[in-house]
Amino acid sequence: MKEISVEELKARKEKGEQLNLIDVRETWEFEEFNIGAQNVPLSTFVNHLEELQPFKEKEVIIQCKMGGRSSQAAMILDQMGFTDVKHVKGGLDEWKAKFPV
């Protein structure tokens, strides 16, 4: 499974890159803190696969709190034939530790 570090993600965001960034935490977690991703909770992820089809041939970056849920979501997308799926290593906990708000 491909990973992206929080440092690389932050650098790409700061460059203004257009990223397909999906946050699979629950909505209440997302509302407390987010970095501008689209929120698609893992608990309802399979119900939203049709919405994600436009990204099938593009890079998709999945994030969560610590990396576990994003790994699961990335595996689902891999199995569905998505070609370039990465999950954020360490998740938003690592992001907050390295880049305090």
N, C-alpha and C. Protein backbone atom coordinates (compact mmCIF):
# COMPACT_ATOMS: atom_id res chain seq x y z
N MET A 1 0.85 -1.18 0.00
CA MET A 1 0.00 0.00 0.00
C MET A 1 0.89 1.24 0.00
N LYS A 2 0.53 2.19 -0.83
CA LYS A 2 1.30 3.43 -0.93
C LYS A 2 0.95 4.36 0.22
N GLU A 3 1.96 5.07 0.69
CA GLU A 3 1.77 6.03 1.78
C GLU A 3 2.31 7.39 1.36
N ILE A 4 1.82 8.40 2.05
CA ILE A 4 2.37 9.75 1.90
C ILE A 4 2.60 10.28 3.31
N SER A 5 3.72 10.93 3.52
CA SER A 5 4.02 11.48 4.84
C SER A 5 3.27 12.80 5.04
N VAL A 6 3.09 13.17 6.28
CA VAL A 6 2.43 14.45 6.56
C VAL A 6 3.29 15.61 6.05
N GLU A 7 4.60 15.45 6.08
CA GLU A 7 5.49 16.50 5.57
C GLU A 7 5.28 16.71 4.06
N GLU A 8 5.21 15.60 3.31
CA GLU A 8 5.01 15.71 1.87
C GLU A 8 3.62 16.29 1.56
N LEU A 9 2.62 15.84 2.29
CA LEU A 9 1.27 16.35 2.08
C LEU A 9 1.20 17.84 2.35
N LYS A 10 1.81 18.28 3.46
CA LYS A 10 1.80 19.70 3.80
C LYS A 10 2.51 20.52 2.72
N ALA A 11 3.65 20.03 2.26
CA ALA A 11 4.41 20.75 1.23
C ALA A 11 3.59 20.87 -0.05
N ARG A 12 2.90 19.83 -0.42
CA ARG A 12 2.09 19.87 -1.63
C ARG A 12 0.90 20.80 -1.47
N LYS A 13 0.30 20.82 -0.29
CA LYS A 13 -0.81 21.75 -0.02
C LYS A 13 -0.31 23.19 -0.10
N GLU A 14 0.86 23.45 0.49
CA GLU A 14 1.41 24.80 0.50
C GLU A 14 1.77 25.29 -0.90
N LYS A 15 2.12 24.36 -1.80
CA LYS A 15 2.40 24.71 -3.20
C LYS A 15 1.12 25.02 -3.96
N GLY A 16 -0.02 24.70 -3.34
CA GLY A 16 -1.30 24.96 -4.00
C GLY A 16 -1.74 23.86 -4.95
N GLU A 17 -1.15 22.68 -4.82
CA GLU A 17 -1.54 21.57 -5.69
C GLU A 17 -3.01 21.23 -5.47
N GLN A 18 -3.67 20.87 -6.55
CA GLN A 18 -5.05 20.39 -6.49
C GLN A 18 -5.00 18.92 -6.07
N LEU A 19 -5.41 18.63 -4.85
CA LEU A 19 -5.33 17.27 -4.32
C LEU A 19 -6.73 16.69 -4.15
N ASN A 20 -6.84 15.40 -4.41
CA ASN A 20 -8.07 14.66 -4.14
C ASN A 20 -7.88 14.04 -2.76
N LEU A 21 -8.20 14.81 -1.74
CA LEU A 21 -7.94 14.45 -0.35
C LEU A 21 -9.25 14.08 0.33
N ILE A 22 -9.31 12.85 0.86
CA ILE A 22 -10.53 12.35 1.49
C ILE A 22 -10.23 11.99 2.94
N ASP A 23 -11.05 12.52 3.83
CA ASP A 23 -10.93 12.27 5.27
C ASP A 23 -12.02 11.27 5.66
N VAL A 24 -11.61 10.10 6.17
CA VAL A 24 -12.57 9.04 6.49
C VAL A 24 -12.95 8.98 7.97
N ARG A 25 -12.61 10.03 8.71
CA ARG A 25 -13.06 10.09 10.11
C ARG A 25 -14.55 10.40 10.15
N GLU A 26 -15.15 10.16 11.30
CA GLU A 26 -16.56 10.48 11.47
C GLU A 26 -16.75 12.00 11.37
N THR A 27 -17.96 12.42 11.02
CA THR A 27 -18.25 13.83 10.79
C THR A 27 -17.90 14.70 12.00
N TRP A 28 -18.21 14.23 13.20
CA TRP A 28 -17.92 15.04 14.39
C TRP A 28 -16.42 15.24 14.56
N GLU A 29 -15.60 14.24 14.21
CA GLU A 29 -14.14 14.39 14.28
C GLU A 29 -13.67 15.41 13.25
N PHE A 30 -14.23 15.30 12.05
CA PHE A 30 -13.88 16.19 10.96
C PHE A 30 -14.21 17.64 11.31
N GLU A 31 -15.36 17.84 11.94
CA GLU A 31 -15.78 19.20 12.30
C GLU A 31 -14.88 19.82 13.36
N GLU A 32 -14.30 18.99 14.24
CA GLU A 32 -13.38 19.49 15.28
C GLU A 32 -12.07 20.00 14.69
N PHE A 33 -11.56 19.29 13.67
CA PHE A 33 -10.28 19.66 13.06
C PHE A 33 -10.20 19.02 11.68
N ASN A 34 -9.88 19.81 10.67
CA ASN A 34 -9.64 19.25 9.35
C ASN A 34 -8.68 20.14 8.58
N ILE A 35 -8.13 19.60 7.52
CA ILE A 35 -7.17 20.36 6.72
C ILE A 35 -7.67 20.56 5.29
N GLY A 36 -8.98 20.58 5.14
CA GLY A 36 -9.55 20.91 3.84
C GLY A 36 -9.87 19.73 2.95
N ALA A 37 -10.00 18.56 3.52
CA ALA A 37 -10.34 17.37 2.75
C ALA A 37 -11.85 17.27 2.57
N GLN A 38 -12.26 16.33 1.74
CA GLN A 38 -13.67 15.98 1.62
C GLN A 38 -13.94 14.91 2.67
N ASN A 39 -15.00 15.05 3.44
CA ASN A 39 -15.31 14.10 4.51
C ASN A 39 -16.23 13.00 3.98
N VAL A 40 -15.71 11.76 4.01
CA VAL A 40 -16.49 10.57 3.65
C VAL A 40 -16.18 9.53 4.73
N PRO A 41 -16.96 9.51 5.82
CA PRO A 41 -16.66 8.60 6.94
C PRO A 41 -16.55 7.14 6.51
N LEU A 42 -15.59 6.43 7.09
CA LEU A 42 -15.39 5.03 6.77
C LEU A 42 -16.66 4.22 7.03
N SER A 43 -17.43 4.62 8.05
CA SER A 43 -18.64 3.88 8.40
C SER A 43 -19.67 3.89 7.26
N THR A 44 -19.59 4.85 6.35
CA THR A 44 -20.52 4.91 5.22
C THR A 44 -19.77 4.94 3.88
N PHE A 45 -18.49 4.62 3.92
CA PHE A 45 -17.61 4.76 2.76
C PHE A 45 -18.13 4.01 1.53
N VAL A 46 -18.53 2.76 1.71
CA VAL A 46 -18.97 1.96 0.56
C VAL A 46 -20.22 2.55 -0.09
N ASN A 47 -21.00 3.31 0.66
CA ASN A 47 -22.19 3.95 0.09
C ASN A 47 -21.83 5.13 -0.81
N HIS A 48 -20.58 5.57 -0.77
CA HIS A 48 -20.16 6.75 -1.53
C HIS A 48 -19.20 6.42 -2.66
N LEU A 49 -19.02 5.14 -2.95
CA LEU A 49 -18.05 4.76 -3.98
C LEU A 49 -18.41 5.33 -5.35
N GLU A 50 -19.68 5.44 -5.65
CA GLU A 50 -20.09 6.00 -6.93
C GLU A 50 -19.61 7.45 -7.07
N GLU A 51 -19.69 8.22 -5.98
CA GLU A 51 -19.25 9.62 -6.00
C GLU A 51 -17.74 9.74 -6.24
N LEU A 52 -17.01 8.69 -5.88
CA LEU A 52 -15.55 8.73 -6.00
C LEU A 52 -15.06 8.24 -7.36
N GLN A 53 -15.93 7.70 -8.19
CA GLN A 53 -15.54 7.16 -9.49
C GLN A 53 -14.77 8.14 -10.37
N PRO A 54 -15.09 9.45 -10.36
CA PRO A 54 -14.31 10.37 -11.20
C PRO A 54 -12.81 10.39 -10.86
N PHE A 55 -12.44 9.90 -9.68
CA PHE A 55 -11.04 9.89 -9.25
C PHE A 55 -10.35 8.56 -9.52
N LYS A 56 -11.02 7.64 -10.19
CA LYS A 56 -10.50 6.27 -10.36
C LYS A 56 -9.12 6.23 -11.02
N GLU A 57 -8.87 7.13 -11.96
CA GLU A 57 -7.59 7.15 -12.68
C GLU A 57 -6.68 8.28 -12.17
N LYS A 58 -7.04 8.91 -11.05
CA LYS A 58 -6.27 10.02 -10.51
C LYS A 58 -5.72 9.65 -9.14
N GLU A 59 -4.78 10.45 -8.67
CA GLU A 59 -4.26 10.25 -7.32
C GLU A 59 -5.36 10.59 -6.30
N VAL A 60 -5.53 9.70 -5.35
CA VAL A 60 -6.47 9.90 -4.25
C VAL A 60 -5.68 9.72 -2.97
N ILE A 61 -5.77 10.70 -2.07
CA ILE A 61 -5.07 10.63 -0.78
C ILE A 61 -6.12 10.50 0.31
N ILE A 62 -5.99 9.44 1.13
CA ILE A 62 -6.96 9.15 2.19
C ILE A 62 -6.30 9.43 3.54
N GLN A 63 -7.03 10.11 4.41
CA GLN A 63 -6.50 10.40 5.75
C GLN A 63 -7.54 10.06 6.81
N CYS A 64 -7.04 9.88 8.03
CA CYS A 64 -7.90 9.67 9.20
C CYS A 64 -7.13 10.17 10.43
N LYS A 65 -7.51 9.71 11.59
CA LYS A 65 -6.87 10.17 12.83
C LYS A 65 -5.44 9.64 12.97
N MET A 66 -5.26 8.30 12.81
CA MET A 66 -3.95 7.71 13.05
C MET A 66 -3.42 6.85 11.90
N GLY A 67 -4.24 6.57 10.91
CA GLY A 67 -3.79 5.79 9.76
C GLY A 67 -4.51 4.46 9.57
N GLY A 68 -5.21 3.97 10.58
CA GLY A 68 -5.89 2.68 10.47
C GLY A 68 -7.09 2.71 9.53
N ARG A 69 -7.96 3.66 9.74
CA ARG A 69 -9.15 3.75 8.89
C ARG A 69 -8.79 4.13 7.46
N SER A 70 -7.80 4.99 7.32
CA SER A 70 -7.40 5.38 5.96
C SER A 70 -6.80 4.19 5.22
N SER A 71 -6.11 3.30 5.92
CA SER A 71 -5.58 2.08 5.30
C SER A 71 -6.72 1.21 4.80
N GLN A 72 -7.77 1.07 5.61
CA GLN A 72 -8.92 0.27 5.20
C GLN A 72 -9.59 0.87 3.97
N ALA A 73 -9.82 2.17 3.98
CA ALA A 73 -10.45 2.84 2.84
C ALA A 73 -9.58 2.72 1.59
N ALA A 74 -8.27 2.85 1.75
CA ALA A 74 -7.35 2.73 0.61
C ALA A 74 -7.42 1.32 0.02
N MET A 75 -7.50 0.31 0.87
CA MET A 75 -7.62 -1.06 0.38
C MET A 75 -8.92 -1.26 -0.41
N ILE A 76 -10.01 -0.66 0.07
CA ILE A 76 -11.29 -0.76 -0.65
C ILE A 76 -11.14 -0.16 -2.04
N LEU A 77 -10.54 1.04 -2.11
CA LEU A 77 -10.37 1.69 -3.41
C LEU A 77 -9.44 0.88 -4.32
N ASP A 78 -8.37 0.34 -3.75
CA ASP A 78 -7.46 -0.52 -4.53
C ASP A 78 -8.24 -1.69 -5.13
N GLN A 79 -9.06 -2.33 -4.32
CA GLN A 79 -9.85 -3.48 -4.78
C GLN A 79 -10.86 -3.08 -5.85
N MET A 80 -11.31 -1.83 -5.82
CA MET A 80 -12.28 -1.33 -6.80
C MET A 80 -11.61 -0.85 -8.09
N GLY A 81 -10.28 -1.00 -8.16
CA GLY A 81 -9.57 -0.68 -9.38
C GLY A 81 -9.04 0.74 -9.47
N PHE A 82 -9.05 1.48 -8.35
CA PHE A 82 -8.46 2.83 -8.37
C PHE A 82 -6.96 2.66 -8.55
N THR A 83 -6.37 3.52 -9.37
CA THR A 83 -5.00 3.28 -9.81
C THR A 83 -3.90 3.94 -8.98
N ASP A 84 -4.23 4.97 -8.20
CA ASP A 84 -3.19 5.71 -7.48
C ASP A 84 -3.71 6.18 -6.13
N VAL A 85 -3.81 5.25 -5.20
CA VAL A 85 -4.37 5.53 -3.87
C VAL A 85 -3.24 5.54 -2.85
N LYS A 86 -3.21 6.59 -2.02
CA LYS A 86 -2.22 6.69 -0.94
C LYS A 86 -2.96 6.99 0.35
N HIS A 87 -2.40 6.53 1.46
CA HIS A 87 -2.96 6.94 2.75
C HIS A 87 -1.90 7.71 3.51
N VAL A 88 -2.37 8.62 4.36
CA VAL A 88 -1.47 9.50 5.11
C VAL A 88 -0.91 8.73 6.30
N LYS A 89 0.38 8.49 6.26
CA LYS A 89 1.06 7.76 7.33
C LYS A 89 0.99 8.56 8.64
N GLY A 90 0.45 7.95 9.69
CA GLY A 90 0.35 8.60 10.99
C GLY A 90 -0.89 9.45 11.15
N GLY A 91 -1.56 9.74 10.06
CA GLY A 91 -2.83 10.47 10.11
C GLY A 91 -2.72 11.88 10.66
N LEU A 92 -3.88 12.40 11.03
CA LEU A 92 -3.93 13.78 11.52
C LEU A 92 -3.33 13.94 12.91
N ASP A 93 -3.21 12.85 13.67
CA ASP A 93 -2.50 12.95 14.94
C ASP A 93 -1.04 13.34 14.69
N GLU A 94 -0.43 12.72 13.69
CA GLU A 94 0.96 13.07 13.36
C GLU A 94 1.03 14.48 12.80
N TRP A 95 0.05 14.85 11.99
CA TRP A 95 0.00 16.22 11.43
C TRP A 95 0.01 17.24 12.58
N LYS A 96 -0.88 17.02 13.57
CA LYS A 96 -0.98 17.97 14.69
C LYS A 96 0.30 17.99 15.53
N ALA A 97 0.95 16.83 15.66
CA ALA A 97 2.19 16.77 16.45
C ALA A 97 3.32 17.53 15.75
N LYS A 98 3.38 17.44 14.45
CA LYS A 98 4.47 18.08 13.71
C LYS A 98 4.16 19.54 13.33
N PHE A 99 2.88 19.85 13.19
CA PHE A 99 2.48 21.19 12.77
C PHE A 99 1.40 21.71 13.71
N PRO A 100 1.76 22.04 14.95
CA PRO A 100 0.75 22.51 15.92
C PRO A 100 0.01 23.75 15.39
N VAL A 101 -1.26 23.81 15.73
CA VAL A 101 -2.08 24.92 15.27
C VAL A 101 -1.98 26.10 16.22
